[in-house]
Amino acid sequence: MPRLGQAARRTLAIAAACLVAVAEPGLDKVEQTARLRYDGAVVERVQQWRAALSQMQDKPEAEQLREANDFFNRQVQFLDDSVVWQQKDYWATPLETLAKRAGDCEDFVIAKYLSLRQLGVAEEKLRLIYVRAKIGGERSSLTQAHMVLGYFETPTSEPLVLDNLVGDIQPASRRTDLFPVFSFNSSGLWVAGATTAAARPGERLSRWRDLIARLRDEGFEQ
């Protein structure tokens, strides 16, 4: 059998991604938006995202967590919003993040959170967690604002931490460099240590409201 050249292999890979994506209709409108707003390279990245989600669809949640975490950690370069968006703080949609192929910690977390929700992981199992992250080693007193994604297998479980700075998913007890401040998902917002939601995120987080509006505009279905 003759060997395919690089261009032919690339074409086949794109075609395969398209075929797999057809079976995952939740992002049809997002891909259509990508075609209208961006070039072919961005459309291809959206197709790769869709293909990855389709391949994760029937796997155990532990594997879905790992693969969603790895996908965005590989695909996206960490850069500050001031560089990517020329703004102090901007929460990007997954489409915007894939278009730039860069983002800060919030963008990684948003993309992973929405990917796992698209896969059917229950909302109550996922929280976007604002933390203070220790930098400069164990004895350092320096911290910086950071965001990670927490996965709670049950309401009382110790969360697993999905992070763009540490590739391995680890239990929160092993992340002694992180100090939770508050967490939220689409249903509620919790102050660190609280078991009852203090508010709905849209009431306190204007950037979350803005993000939801842009997701709807892009055609994101959850």
N, C-alpha and C. Protein backbone atom coordinates (compact mmCIF):
# COMPACT_ATOMS: atom_id res chain seq x y z
N MET A 1 0.85 -1.19 0.00
CA MET A 1 0.00 0.00 0.00
C MET A 1 0.88 1.24 0.00
N PRO A 2 0.66 2.19 -0.92
CA PRO A 2 1.52 3.36 -0.99
C PRO A 2 1.38 4.22 0.26
N ARG A 3 2.46 4.89 0.66
CA ARG A 3 2.45 5.75 1.82
C ARG A 3 1.89 7.11 1.44
N LEU A 4 1.06 7.66 2.31
CA LEU A 4 0.47 8.96 2.05
C LEU A 4 1.45 10.06 2.39
N GLY A 5 1.44 11.12 1.59
CA GLY A 5 2.25 12.28 1.89
C GLY A 5 1.66 13.07 3.05
N GLN A 6 2.43 14.05 3.54
CA GLN A 6 1.99 14.83 4.69
C GLN A 6 0.69 15.58 4.40
N ALA A 7 0.58 16.15 3.21
CA ALA A 7 -0.63 16.91 2.86
C ALA A 7 -1.86 16.00 2.83
N ALA A 8 -1.67 14.79 2.28
CA ALA A 8 -2.79 13.85 2.20
C ALA A 8 -3.21 13.39 3.59
N ARG A 9 -2.23 13.13 4.45
CA ARG A 9 -2.55 12.71 5.82
C ARG A 9 -3.30 13.81 6.55
N ARG A 10 -2.89 15.06 6.34
CA ARG A 10 -3.55 16.20 6.99
C ARG A 10 -5.00 16.30 6.51
N THR A 11 -5.21 16.13 5.20
CA THR A 11 -6.56 16.21 4.65
C THR A 11 -7.45 15.12 5.24
N LEU A 12 -6.91 13.90 5.34
CA LEU A 12 -7.68 12.80 5.91
C LEU A 12 -8.00 13.05 7.38
N ALA A 13 -7.05 13.62 8.10
CA ALA A 13 -7.27 13.89 9.52
C ALA A 13 -8.39 14.91 9.70
N ILE A 14 -8.40 15.95 8.86
CA ILE A 14 -9.45 16.96 8.94
C ILE A 14 -10.81 16.34 8.60
N ALA A 15 -10.82 15.51 7.56
CA ALA A 15 -12.07 14.86 7.15
C ALA A 15 -12.60 13.96 8.26
N ALA A 16 -11.70 13.23 8.91
CA ALA A 16 -12.11 12.35 10.00
C ALA A 16 -12.68 13.16 11.15
N ALA A 17 -12.05 14.29 11.45
CA ALA A 17 -12.55 15.14 12.53
C ALA A 17 -13.95 15.65 12.21
N CYS A 18 -14.15 16.02 10.95
CA CYS A 18 -15.48 16.50 10.53
C CYS A 18 -16.53 15.42 10.70
N LEU A 19 -16.20 14.19 10.31
CA LEU A 19 -17.16 13.10 10.40
C LEU A 19 -17.52 12.80 11.84
N VAL A 20 -16.51 12.82 12.72
CA VAL A 20 -16.78 12.55 14.13
C VAL A 20 -17.63 13.68 14.72
N ALA A 21 -17.31 14.93 14.32
CA ALA A 21 -18.02 16.08 14.89
C ALA A 21 -19.50 16.07 14.54
N VAL A 22 -19.86 15.49 13.39
CA VAL A 22 -21.27 15.46 12.99
C VAL A 22 -22.11 14.74 14.03
N ALA A 23 -21.51 13.76 14.70
CA ALA A 23 -22.25 12.99 15.70
C ALA A 23 -22.42 13.75 17.01
N GLU A 24 -21.80 14.91 17.12
CA GLU A 24 -21.85 15.68 18.36
C GLU A 24 -22.47 17.04 18.02
N PRO A 25 -23.82 17.12 17.97
CA PRO A 25 -24.49 18.31 17.43
C PRO A 25 -24.47 19.52 18.33
N GLY A 26 -24.11 19.37 19.60
CA GLY A 26 -24.16 20.49 20.53
C GLY A 26 -23.30 21.67 20.15
N LEU A 27 -22.30 21.45 19.30
CA LEU A 27 -21.41 22.53 18.90
C LEU A 27 -21.53 22.87 17.42
N ASP A 28 -22.60 22.42 16.77
CA ASP A 28 -22.82 22.75 15.36
C ASP A 28 -22.79 24.26 15.13
N LYS A 29 -23.56 24.99 15.94
CA LYS A 29 -23.66 26.43 15.76
C LYS A 29 -22.35 27.13 16.08
N VAL A 30 -21.60 26.60 17.04
CA VAL A 30 -20.29 27.19 17.36
C VAL A 30 -19.35 27.05 16.17
N GLU A 31 -19.36 25.87 15.54
CA GLU A 31 -18.52 25.70 14.36
C GLU A 31 -18.97 26.63 13.23
N GLN A 32 -20.27 26.80 13.07
CA GLN A 32 -20.77 27.74 12.06
C GLN A 32 -20.29 29.15 12.35
N THR A 33 -20.30 29.54 13.62
CA THR A 33 -19.80 30.86 14.01
C THR A 33 -18.31 30.98 13.69
N ALA A 34 -17.56 29.92 13.95
CA ALA A 34 -16.13 29.94 13.64
C ALA A 34 -15.90 30.16 12.15
N ARG A 35 -16.72 29.52 11.32
CA ARG A 35 -16.57 29.67 9.87
C ARG A 35 -16.87 31.10 9.43
N LEU A 36 -17.82 31.75 10.10
CA LEU A 36 -18.18 33.12 9.74
C LEU A 36 -17.15 34.15 10.22
N ARG A 37 -16.55 33.89 11.37
CA ARG A 37 -15.72 34.91 12.02
C ARG A 37 -14.22 34.71 11.86
N TYR A 38 -13.79 33.47 11.59
CA TYR A 38 -12.36 33.19 11.63
C TYR A 38 -11.92 32.45 10.37
N ASP A 39 -10.61 32.20 10.30
CA ASP A 39 -10.07 31.51 9.12
C ASP A 39 -10.13 29.99 9.30
N GLY A 40 -9.64 29.29 8.28
CA GLY A 40 -9.72 27.83 8.27
C GLY A 40 -8.95 27.17 9.40
N ALA A 41 -7.87 27.80 9.85
CA ALA A 41 -7.08 27.21 10.93
C ALA A 41 -7.89 27.15 12.23
N VAL A 42 -8.68 28.18 12.49
CA VAL A 42 -9.51 28.20 13.69
C VAL A 42 -10.63 27.17 13.57
N VAL A 43 -11.24 27.08 12.39
CA VAL A 43 -12.28 26.08 12.17
C VAL A 43 -11.72 24.69 12.41
N GLU A 44 -10.51 24.44 11.94
CA GLU A 44 -9.88 23.13 12.16
C GLU A 44 -9.68 22.85 13.64
N ARG A 45 -9.31 23.86 14.42
CA ARG A 45 -9.12 23.65 15.85
C ARG A 45 -10.45 23.35 16.53
N VAL A 46 -11.52 24.01 16.09
CA VAL A 46 -12.85 23.70 16.63
C VAL A 46 -13.24 22.27 16.29
N GLN A 47 -12.95 21.84 15.08
CA GLN A 47 -13.24 20.46 14.68
C GLN A 47 -12.43 19.47 15.51
N GLN A 48 -11.20 19.79 15.81
CA GLN A 48 -10.38 18.92 16.65
C GLN A 48 -10.97 18.84 18.05
N TRP A 49 -11.45 19.97 18.56
CA TRP A 49 -12.12 19.99 19.87
C TRP A 49 -13.35 19.09 19.85
N ARG A 50 -14.16 19.24 18.82
CA ARG A 50 -15.37 18.42 18.71
C ARG A 50 -15.03 16.93 18.59
N ALA A 51 -14.02 16.63 17.81
CA ALA A 51 -13.62 15.23 17.66
C ALA A 51 -13.13 14.67 18.99
N ALA A 52 -12.37 15.48 19.74
CA ALA A 52 -11.87 15.03 21.04
C ALA A 52 -13.04 14.76 22.00
N LEU A 53 -14.03 15.66 22.00
CA LEU A 53 -15.19 15.46 22.87
C LEU A 53 -15.96 14.20 22.47
N SER A 54 -16.10 13.98 21.17
CA SER A 54 -16.81 12.78 20.72
C SER A 54 -16.10 11.51 21.16
N GLN A 55 -14.78 11.53 21.13
CA GLN A 55 -14.00 10.36 21.56
C GLN A 55 -14.09 10.14 23.06
N MET A 56 -14.33 11.22 23.82
CA MET A 56 -14.46 11.12 25.27
C MET A 56 -15.85 10.70 25.72
N GLN A 57 -16.83 10.81 24.83
CA GLN A 57 -18.25 10.79 25.19
C GLN A 57 -18.64 9.62 26.08
N ASP A 58 -18.25 8.43 25.74
CA ASP A 58 -18.71 7.26 26.48
C ASP A 58 -17.69 6.73 27.48
N LYS A 59 -16.68 7.51 27.78
CA LYS A 59 -15.65 7.07 28.71
C LYS A 59 -16.05 7.40 30.15
N PRO A 60 -15.44 6.73 31.13
CA PRO A 60 -15.70 7.07 32.53
C PRO A 60 -15.31 8.52 32.80
N GLU A 61 -15.94 9.11 33.81
CA GLU A 61 -15.68 10.52 34.09
C GLU A 61 -14.23 10.80 34.42
N ALA A 62 -13.55 9.87 35.07
CA ALA A 62 -12.14 10.08 35.40
C ALA A 62 -11.31 10.28 34.13
N GLU A 63 -11.61 9.52 33.09
CA GLU A 63 -10.90 9.67 31.82
C GLU A 63 -11.32 10.95 31.12
N GLN A 64 -12.60 11.32 31.21
CA GLN A 64 -13.04 12.56 30.61
C GLN A 64 -12.33 13.75 31.24
N LEU A 65 -12.18 13.73 32.56
CA LEU A 65 -11.46 14.80 33.24
C LEU A 65 -10.03 14.91 32.73
N ARG A 66 -9.35 13.77 32.69
CA ARG A 66 -7.94 13.78 32.28
C ARG A 66 -7.79 14.26 30.85
N GLU A 67 -8.64 13.76 29.95
CA GLU A 67 -8.47 14.09 28.54
C GLU A 67 -8.88 15.53 28.24
N ALA A 68 -9.93 16.03 28.89
CA ALA A 68 -10.31 17.43 28.70
C ALA A 68 -9.22 18.35 29.24
N ASN A 69 -8.68 17.99 30.39
CA ASN A 69 -7.59 18.77 30.99
C ASN A 69 -6.37 18.80 30.06
N ASP A 70 -6.00 17.63 29.56
CA ASP A 70 -4.82 17.53 28.69
C ASP A 70 -5.05 18.26 27.37
N PHE A 71 -6.26 18.17 26.82
CA PHE A 71 -6.53 18.78 25.52
C PHE A 71 -6.23 20.27 25.55
N PHE A 72 -6.80 20.97 26.52
CA PHE A 72 -6.60 22.43 26.54
C PHE A 72 -5.21 22.81 27.04
N ASN A 73 -4.63 22.02 27.92
CA ASN A 73 -3.26 22.32 28.34
C ASN A 73 -2.28 22.20 27.18
N ARG A 74 -2.59 21.31 26.22
CA ARG A 74 -1.74 21.17 25.03
C ARG A 74 -2.05 22.23 23.98
N GLN A 75 -3.31 22.54 23.79
CA GLN A 75 -3.74 23.39 22.69
C GLN A 75 -3.49 24.87 22.94
N VAL A 76 -3.49 25.28 24.20
CA VAL A 76 -3.52 26.71 24.53
C VAL A 76 -2.24 27.12 25.24
N GLN A 77 -1.69 28.24 24.81
CA GLN A 77 -0.52 28.82 25.45
C GLN A 77 -0.96 29.79 26.54
N PHE A 78 -0.32 29.73 27.70
CA PHE A 78 -0.66 30.66 28.77
C PHE A 78 -0.09 32.03 28.47
N LEU A 79 -0.96 33.04 28.39
CA LEU A 79 -0.57 34.43 28.23
C LEU A 79 -1.56 35.30 29.00
N ASP A 80 -1.08 36.40 29.53
CA ASP A 80 -1.94 37.32 30.27
C ASP A 80 -2.95 37.99 29.34
N ASP A 81 -4.09 38.38 29.93
CA ASP A 81 -5.11 39.08 29.15
C ASP A 81 -4.58 40.37 28.54
N SER A 82 -3.67 41.01 29.21
CA SER A 82 -3.12 42.26 28.69
C SER A 82 -2.40 42.05 27.36
N VAL A 83 -1.88 40.83 27.15
CA VAL A 83 -1.20 40.50 25.90
C VAL A 83 -2.20 40.01 24.87
N VAL A 84 -3.09 39.11 25.29
CA VAL A 84 -4.03 38.48 24.35
C VAL A 84 -5.15 39.43 23.94
N TRP A 85 -5.71 40.13 24.92
CA TRP A 85 -6.91 40.94 24.68
C TRP A 85 -6.70 42.43 24.90
N GLN A 86 -5.50 42.81 25.31
CA GLN A 86 -5.23 44.22 25.62
C GLN A 86 -6.21 44.75 26.66
N GLN A 87 -6.59 43.89 27.58
CA GLN A 87 -7.46 44.25 28.69
C GLN A 87 -6.88 43.67 29.98
N LYS A 88 -7.24 44.28 31.11
CA LYS A 88 -6.73 43.80 32.38
C LYS A 88 -7.29 42.42 32.72
N ASP A 89 -8.59 42.21 32.45
CA ASP A 89 -9.21 40.93 32.79
C ASP A 89 -10.35 40.66 31.82
N TYR A 90 -10.23 39.58 31.06
CA TYR A 90 -11.24 39.21 30.07
C TYR A 90 -11.47 37.71 30.15
N TRP A 91 -12.74 37.30 30.29
CA TRP A 91 -13.07 35.88 30.34
C TRP A 91 -13.51 35.44 28.95
N ALA A 92 -12.70 34.63 28.30
CA ALA A 92 -12.94 34.23 26.92
C ALA A 92 -13.80 32.98 26.83
N THR A 93 -14.58 32.90 25.77
CA THR A 93 -15.29 31.66 25.45
C THR A 93 -14.29 30.64 24.92
N PRO A 94 -14.64 29.35 24.92
CA PRO A 94 -13.72 28.37 24.32
C PRO A 94 -13.39 28.69 22.87
N LEU A 95 -14.37 29.18 22.09
CA LEU A 95 -14.10 29.54 20.70
C LEU A 95 -13.07 30.66 20.62
N GLU A 96 -13.24 31.68 21.45
CA GLU A 96 -12.27 32.78 21.45
C GLU A 96 -10.89 32.30 21.86
N THR A 97 -10.84 31.41 22.85
CA THR A 97 -9.55 30.88 23.30
C THR A 97 -8.88 30.05 22.21
N LEU A 98 -9.66 29.22 21.52
CA LEU A 98 -9.08 28.42 20.43
C LEU A 98 -8.67 29.31 19.26
N ALA A 99 -9.41 30.40 19.03
CA ALA A 99 -9.04 31.31 17.95
C ALA A 99 -7.70 31.98 18.24
N LYS A 100 -7.49 32.41 19.47
CA LYS A 100 -6.23 33.04 19.86
C LYS A 100 -5.13 32.00 20.13
N ARG A 101 -5.57 30.78 20.45
CA ARG A 101 -4.68 29.70 20.89
C ARG A 101 -3.83 30.15 22.08
N ALA A 102 -4.42 31.01 22.89
CA ALA A 102 -3.75 31.54 24.07
C ALA A 102 -4.79 32.05 25.04
N GLY A 103 -4.44 32.07 26.31
CA GLY A 103 -5.36 32.58 27.33
C GLY A 103 -4.72 32.49 28.70
N ASP A 104 -5.40 33.08 29.68
CA ASP A 104 -4.90 32.98 31.04
C ASP A 104 -5.67 31.90 31.80
N CYS A 105 -5.47 31.82 33.11
CA CYS A 105 -6.00 30.69 33.87
C CYS A 105 -7.52 30.59 33.79
N GLU A 106 -8.23 31.74 33.81
CA GLU A 106 -9.69 31.69 33.71
C GLU A 106 -10.14 31.05 32.40
N ASP A 107 -9.43 31.36 31.32
CA ASP A 107 -9.81 30.84 30.01
C ASP A 107 -9.63 29.32 29.93
N PHE A 108 -8.56 28.81 30.51
CA PHE A 108 -8.36 27.36 30.58
C PHE A 108 -9.52 26.71 31.35
N VAL A 109 -9.87 27.30 32.50
CA VAL A 109 -10.89 26.71 33.36
C VAL A 109 -12.26 26.75 32.68
N ILE A 110 -12.60 27.88 32.06
CA ILE A 110 -13.89 27.99 31.37
C ILE A 110 -14.00 26.95 30.27
N ALA A 111 -12.95 26.79 29.48
CA ALA A 111 -12.97 25.82 28.38
C ALA A 111 -13.13 24.39 28.90
N LYS A 112 -12.45 24.06 29.97
CA LYS A 112 -12.56 22.71 30.54
C LYS A 112 -13.94 22.49 31.16
N TYR A 113 -14.41 23.48 31.89
CA TYR A 113 -15.73 23.39 32.53
C TYR A 113 -16.81 23.16 31.48
N LEU A 114 -16.83 23.97 30.42
CA LEU A 114 -17.87 23.84 29.41
C LEU A 114 -17.72 22.55 28.60
N SER A 115 -16.50 22.09 28.41
CA SER A 115 -16.30 20.82 27.72
C SER A 115 -16.88 19.67 28.52
N LEU A 116 -16.62 19.66 29.81
CA LEU A 116 -17.14 18.59 30.67
C LEU A 116 -18.65 18.66 30.80
N ARG A 117 -19.20 19.87 30.85
CA ARG A 117 -20.66 19.99 30.85
C ARG A 117 -21.24 19.48 29.54
N GLN A 118 -20.54 19.76 28.43
CA GLN A 118 -21.00 19.27 27.13
C GLN A 118 -21.01 17.75 27.10
N LEU A 119 -20.09 17.13 27.83
CA LEU A 119 -20.01 15.67 27.91
C LEU A 119 -21.05 15.08 28.84
N GLY A 120 -21.75 15.93 29.57
CA GLY A 120 -22.79 15.44 30.46
C GLY A 120 -22.39 15.33 31.92
N VAL A 121 -21.20 15.81 32.28
CA VAL A 121 -20.81 15.81 33.69
C VAL A 121 -21.74 16.78 34.42
N ALA A 122 -22.31 16.33 35.52
CA ALA A 122 -23.31 17.11 36.24
C ALA A 122 -22.72 18.42 36.75
N GLU A 123 -23.52 19.47 36.65
CA GLU A 123 -23.06 20.80 37.07
C GLU A 123 -22.60 20.82 38.52
N GLU A 124 -23.33 20.10 39.40
CA GLU A 124 -22.99 20.14 40.82
C GLU A 124 -21.64 19.50 41.13
N LYS A 125 -21.08 18.78 40.17
CA LYS A 125 -19.77 18.17 40.37
C LYS A 125 -18.62 19.10 40.01
N LEU A 126 -18.93 20.23 39.39
CA LEU A 126 -17.89 21.11 38.86
C LEU A 126 -18.00 22.51 39.46
N ARG A 127 -16.85 23.06 39.84
CA ARG A 127 -16.82 24.45 40.29
C ARG A 127 -15.55 25.13 39.77
N LEU A 128 -15.72 26.37 39.36
CA LEU A 128 -14.59 27.21 39.02
C LEU A 128 -14.13 27.83 40.33
N ILE A 129 -12.87 27.65 40.69
CA ILE A 129 -12.40 28.01 42.03
C ILE A 129 -11.32 29.09 41.93
N TYR A 130 -11.61 30.25 42.52
CA TYR A 130 -10.59 31.29 42.65
C TYR A 130 -9.71 30.94 43.85
N VAL A 131 -8.41 31.02 43.66
CA VAL A 131 -7.46 30.69 44.72
C VAL A 131 -6.36 31.75 44.77
N ARG A 132 -5.65 31.75 45.88
CA ARG A 132 -4.36 32.42 45.95
C ARG A 132 -3.32 31.32 45.82
N ALA A 133 -2.43 31.44 44.84
CA ALA A 133 -1.43 30.41 44.58
C ALA A 133 -0.07 30.88 45.09
N LYS A 134 0.53 30.05 45.92
CA LYS A 134 1.86 30.38 46.46
C LYS A 134 2.89 30.26 45.35
N ILE A 135 3.76 31.21 45.24
CA ILE A 135 4.83 31.17 44.24
C ILE A 135 6.17 31.34 44.94
N GLY A 136 7.18 30.71 44.38
CA GLY A 136 8.53 30.86 44.93
C GLY A 136 8.92 29.83 45.96
N GLY A 137 8.18 28.71 46.04
CA GLY A 137 8.58 27.64 46.95
C GLY A 137 7.79 27.62 48.24
N GLU A 138 7.97 26.53 49.01
CA GLU A 138 7.19 26.28 50.22
C GLU A 138 7.33 27.38 51.26
N ARG A 139 8.52 27.97 51.37
CA ARG A 139 8.76 28.97 52.42
C ARG A 139 8.38 30.38 51.98
N SER A 140 8.01 30.51 50.74
CA SER A 140 7.67 31.83 50.22
C SER A 140 6.33 32.31 50.79
N SER A 141 6.23 33.60 51.00
CA SER A 141 4.98 34.21 51.44
C SER A 141 4.28 34.92 50.28
N LEU A 142 4.85 34.81 49.08
CA LEU A 142 4.28 35.48 47.92
C LEU A 142 3.16 34.63 47.31
N THR A 143 2.05 35.26 47.01
CA THR A 143 0.95 34.57 46.34
C THR A 143 0.45 35.43 45.19
N GLN A 144 -0.26 34.77 44.27
CA GLN A 144 -0.88 35.48 43.17
C GLN A 144 -2.27 34.90 42.92
N ALA A 145 -3.16 35.72 42.36
CA ALA A 145 -4.50 35.25 42.05
C ALA A 145 -4.42 34.21 40.94
N HIS A 146 -5.25 33.17 41.06
CA HIS A 146 -5.24 32.08 40.09
C HIS A 146 -6.62 31.44 40.09
N MET A 147 -6.94 30.69 39.04
CA MET A 147 -8.20 29.95 38.99
C MET A 147 -7.94 28.52 38.55
N VAL A 148 -8.63 27.58 39.18
CA VAL A 148 -8.55 26.16 38.82
C VAL A 148 -9.97 25.63 38.72
N LEU A 149 -10.11 24.44 38.16
CA LEU A 149 -11.40 23.77 38.09
C LEU A 149 -11.43 22.65 39.11
N GLY A 150 -12.48 22.61 39.93
CA GLY A 150 -12.63 21.55 40.91
C GLY A 150 -13.70 20.56 40.50
N TYR A 151 -13.41 19.28 40.70
CA TYR A 151 -14.38 18.21 40.41
C TYR A 151 -14.70 17.50 41.72
N PHE A 152 -15.99 17.46 42.07
CA PHE A 152 -16.46 16.82 43.29
C PHE A 152 -17.26 15.58 42.90
N GLU A 153 -16.72 14.40 43.14
CA GLU A 153 -17.43 13.18 42.76
C GLU A 153 -18.77 13.07 43.49
N THR A 154 -18.78 13.46 44.75
CA THR A 154 -20.01 13.57 45.53
C THR A 154 -19.97 14.93 46.24
N PRO A 155 -21.11 15.39 46.78
CA PRO A 155 -21.11 16.69 47.44
C PRO A 155 -20.12 16.82 48.59
N THR A 156 -19.78 15.70 49.23
CA THR A 156 -18.86 15.75 50.37
C THR A 156 -17.45 15.27 50.02
N SER A 157 -17.20 14.95 48.75
CA SER A 157 -15.89 14.45 48.34
C SER A 157 -14.84 15.57 48.36
N GLU A 158 -13.61 15.15 48.61
CA GLU A 158 -12.49 16.07 48.40
C GLU A 158 -12.39 16.34 46.90
N PRO A 159 -12.31 17.60 46.50
CA PRO A 159 -12.27 17.88 45.06
C PRO A 159 -10.94 17.49 44.42
N LEU A 160 -11.03 17.12 43.15
CA LEU A 160 -9.85 16.98 42.31
C LEU A 160 -9.61 18.31 41.62
N VAL A 161 -8.35 18.65 41.40
CA VAL A 161 -8.00 19.97 40.87
C VAL A 161 -7.44 19.83 39.46
N LEU A 162 -8.11 20.50 38.51
CA LEU A 162 -7.63 20.58 37.13
C LEU A 162 -6.99 21.94 36.96
N ASP A 163 -5.75 21.97 36.51
CA ASP A 163 -4.95 23.19 36.53
C ASP A 163 -4.12 23.28 35.26
N ASN A 164 -3.92 24.48 34.76
CA ASN A 164 -3.05 24.65 33.60
C ASN A 164 -1.58 24.75 34.00
N LEU A 165 -1.30 25.00 35.29
CA LEU A 165 0.10 25.12 35.73
C LEU A 165 0.69 23.78 36.15
N VAL A 166 -0.14 22.88 36.67
CA VAL A 166 0.29 21.54 37.07
C VAL A 166 -0.52 20.55 36.23
N GLY A 167 0.15 19.81 35.38
CA GLY A 167 -0.53 18.96 34.41
C GLY A 167 -1.32 17.82 35.01
N ASP A 168 -0.82 17.21 36.09
CA ASP A 168 -1.51 16.08 36.70
C ASP A 168 -2.71 16.56 37.50
N ILE A 169 -3.81 15.83 37.39
CA ILE A 169 -4.99 16.11 38.22
C ILE A 169 -4.73 15.54 39.60
N GLN A 170 -4.82 16.38 40.63
CA GLN A 170 -4.48 15.96 41.99
C GLN A 170 -5.60 16.31 42.95
N PRO A 171 -5.73 15.53 44.05
CA PRO A 171 -6.67 15.91 45.11
C PRO A 171 -6.27 17.25 45.70
N ALA A 172 -7.25 18.01 46.18
CA ALA A 172 -6.96 19.34 46.72
C ALA A 172 -5.97 19.28 47.88
N SER A 173 -5.99 18.20 48.66
CA SER A 173 -5.09 18.10 49.81
C SER A 173 -3.62 18.07 49.40
N ARG A 174 -3.35 17.66 48.16
CA ARG A 174 -1.96 17.63 47.68
C ARG A 174 -1.54 18.96 47.09
N ARG A 175 -2.49 19.85 46.87
CA ARG A 175 -2.16 21.16 46.31
C ARG A 175 -2.03 22.18 47.45
N THR A 176 -0.98 22.00 48.25
CA THR A 176 -0.77 22.87 49.40
C THR A 176 -0.33 24.27 48.99
N ASP A 177 -0.11 24.45 47.70
CA ASP A 177 0.25 25.78 47.19
C ASP A 177 -0.97 26.63 46.88
N LEU A 178 -2.16 26.07 47.00
CA LEU A 178 -3.38 26.78 46.64
C LEU A 178 -4.23 27.07 47.88
N PHE A 179 -4.76 28.29 47.95
CA PHE A 179 -5.59 28.71 49.06
C PHE A 179 -6.92 29.23 48.50
N PRO A 180 -8.00 28.42 48.60
CA PRO A 180 -9.28 28.81 48.01
C PRO A 180 -9.83 30.11 48.60
N VAL A 181 -10.43 30.90 47.72
CA VAL A 181 -11.08 32.15 48.13
C VAL A 181 -12.60 32.02 47.97
N PHE A 182 -13.05 31.68 46.78
CA PHE A 182 -14.45 31.37 46.54
C PHE A 182 -14.55 30.51 45.30
N SER A 183 -15.71 29.87 45.12
CA SER A 183 -15.93 29.01 43.96
C SER A 183 -17.33 29.25 43.43
N PHE A 184 -17.55 28.86 42.18
CA PHE A 184 -18.88 29.06 41.59
C PHE A 184 -19.06 28.12 40.40
N ASN A 185 -20.32 27.95 40.02
CA ASN A 185 -20.69 27.33 38.75
C ASN A 185 -21.94 28.06 38.26
N SER A 186 -22.64 27.51 37.32
CA SER A 186 -23.80 28.22 36.77
C SER A 186 -24.92 28.38 37.78
N SER A 187 -24.91 27.58 38.85
CA SER A 187 -26.02 27.59 39.80
C SER A 187 -25.77 28.42 41.05
N GLY A 188 -24.51 28.54 41.47
CA GLY A 188 -24.28 29.21 42.74
C GLY A 188 -22.85 29.66 42.92
N LEU A 189 -22.67 30.44 43.98
CA LEU A 189 -21.34 30.96 44.35
C LEU A 189 -21.13 30.67 45.83
N TRP A 190 -19.98 30.09 46.16
CA TRP A 190 -19.66 29.69 47.52
C TRP A 190 -18.40 30.39 48.01
N VAL A 191 -18.47 30.95 49.21
CA VAL A 191 -17.27 31.45 49.86
C VAL A 191 -16.49 30.25 50.38
N ALA A 192 -15.18 30.32 50.38
CA ALA A 192 -14.34 29.19 50.79
C ALA A 192 -14.77 28.67 52.16
N GLY A 193 -14.97 27.35 52.23
CA GLY A 193 -15.36 26.71 53.48
C GLY A 193 -16.85 26.60 53.70
N ALA A 194 -17.64 27.30 52.89
CA ALA A 194 -19.09 27.27 53.06
C ALA A 194 -19.69 26.08 52.32
N THR A 195 -20.77 25.55 52.85
CA THR A 195 -21.47 24.44 52.20
C THR A 195 -22.74 24.91 51.50
N THR A 196 -23.16 26.14 51.77
CA THR A 196 -24.35 26.71 51.16
C THR A 196 -23.97 27.86 50.26
N ALA A 197 -24.57 27.91 49.08
CA ALA A 197 -24.26 28.98 48.13
C ALA A 197 -24.66 30.33 48.71
N ALA A 198 -23.78 31.33 48.53
CA ALA A 198 -24.06 32.67 49.04
C ALA A 198 -24.88 33.49 48.07
N ALA A 199 -24.82 33.15 46.78
CA ALA A 199 -25.53 33.92 45.76
C ALA A 199 -25.49 33.16 44.45
N ARG A 200 -26.24 33.65 43.46
CA ARG A 200 -26.11 33.15 42.10
C ARG A 200 -24.96 33.91 41.44
N PRO A 201 -24.17 33.23 40.59
CA PRO A 201 -22.98 33.89 40.04
C PRO A 201 -23.30 35.13 39.21
N GLY A 202 -24.43 35.12 38.50
CA GLY A 202 -24.79 36.26 37.69
C GLY A 202 -25.05 37.52 38.50
N GLU A 203 -25.38 37.33 39.81
CA GLU A 203 -25.66 38.48 40.67
C GLU A 203 -24.38 39.15 41.14
N ARG A 204 -23.30 38.43 41.22
CA ARG A 204 -22.05 38.96 41.77
C ARG A 204 -20.95 39.12 40.73
N LEU A 205 -20.99 38.32 39.66
CA LEU A 205 -19.87 38.28 38.72
C LEU A 205 -20.30 38.83 37.36
N SER A 206 -19.99 40.09 37.11
CA SER A 206 -20.39 40.69 35.83
C SER A 206 -19.68 40.02 34.66
N ARG A 207 -18.47 39.55 34.86
CA ARG A 207 -17.74 38.89 33.76
C ARG A 207 -18.40 37.57 33.39
N TRP A 208 -19.00 36.89 34.39
CA TRP A 208 -19.73 35.65 34.10
C TRP A 208 -20.96 35.96 33.25
N ARG A 209 -21.67 37.02 33.59
CA ARG A 209 -22.84 37.42 32.79
C ARG A 209 -22.42 37.74 31.35
N ASP A 210 -21.33 38.48 31.21
CA ASP A 210 -20.85 38.83 29.88
C ASP A 210 -20.46 37.57 29.09
N LEU A 211 -19.81 36.63 29.79
CA LEU A 211 -19.39 35.38 29.15
C LEU A 211 -20.61 34.60 28.65
N ILE A 212 -21.63 34.47 29.49
CA ILE A 212 -22.83 33.73 29.10
C ILE A 212 -23.48 34.36 27.87
N ALA A 213 -23.51 35.69 27.83
CA ALA A 213 -24.10 36.37 26.68
C ALA A 213 -23.32 36.07 25.40
N ARG A 214 -21.99 36.05 25.49
CA ARG A 214 -21.17 35.75 24.30
C ARG A 214 -21.29 34.29 23.89
N LEU A 215 -21.41 33.39 24.86
CA LEU A 215 -21.62 31.98 24.54
C LEU A 215 -22.92 31.79 23.76
N ARG A 216 -23.97 32.46 24.21
CA ARG A 216 -25.25 32.36 23.50
C ARG A 216 -25.13 32.94 22.09
N ASP A 217 -24.42 34.03 21.97
CA ASP A 217 -24.25 34.66 20.65
C ASP A 217 -23.49 33.75 19.70
N GLU A 218 -22.57 32.96 20.24
CA GLU A 218 -21.80 32.03 19.40
C GLU A 218 -22.58 30.75 19.07
N GLY A 219 -23.70 30.54 19.75
CA GLY A 219 -24.51 29.36 19.48
C GLY A 219 -24.19 28.18 20.37
N PHE A 220 -23.53 28.43 21.49
CA PHE A 220 -23.17 27.32 22.39
C PHE A 220 -24.41 26.77 23.05
N GLU A 221 -24.59 25.44 22.95
CA GLU A 221 -25.72 24.76 23.56
C GLU A 221 -25.21 23.87 24.68
N GLN A 222 -25.85 23.94 25.84
CA GLN A 222 -25.39 23.13 26.98
C GLN A 222 -26.54 22.29 27.51
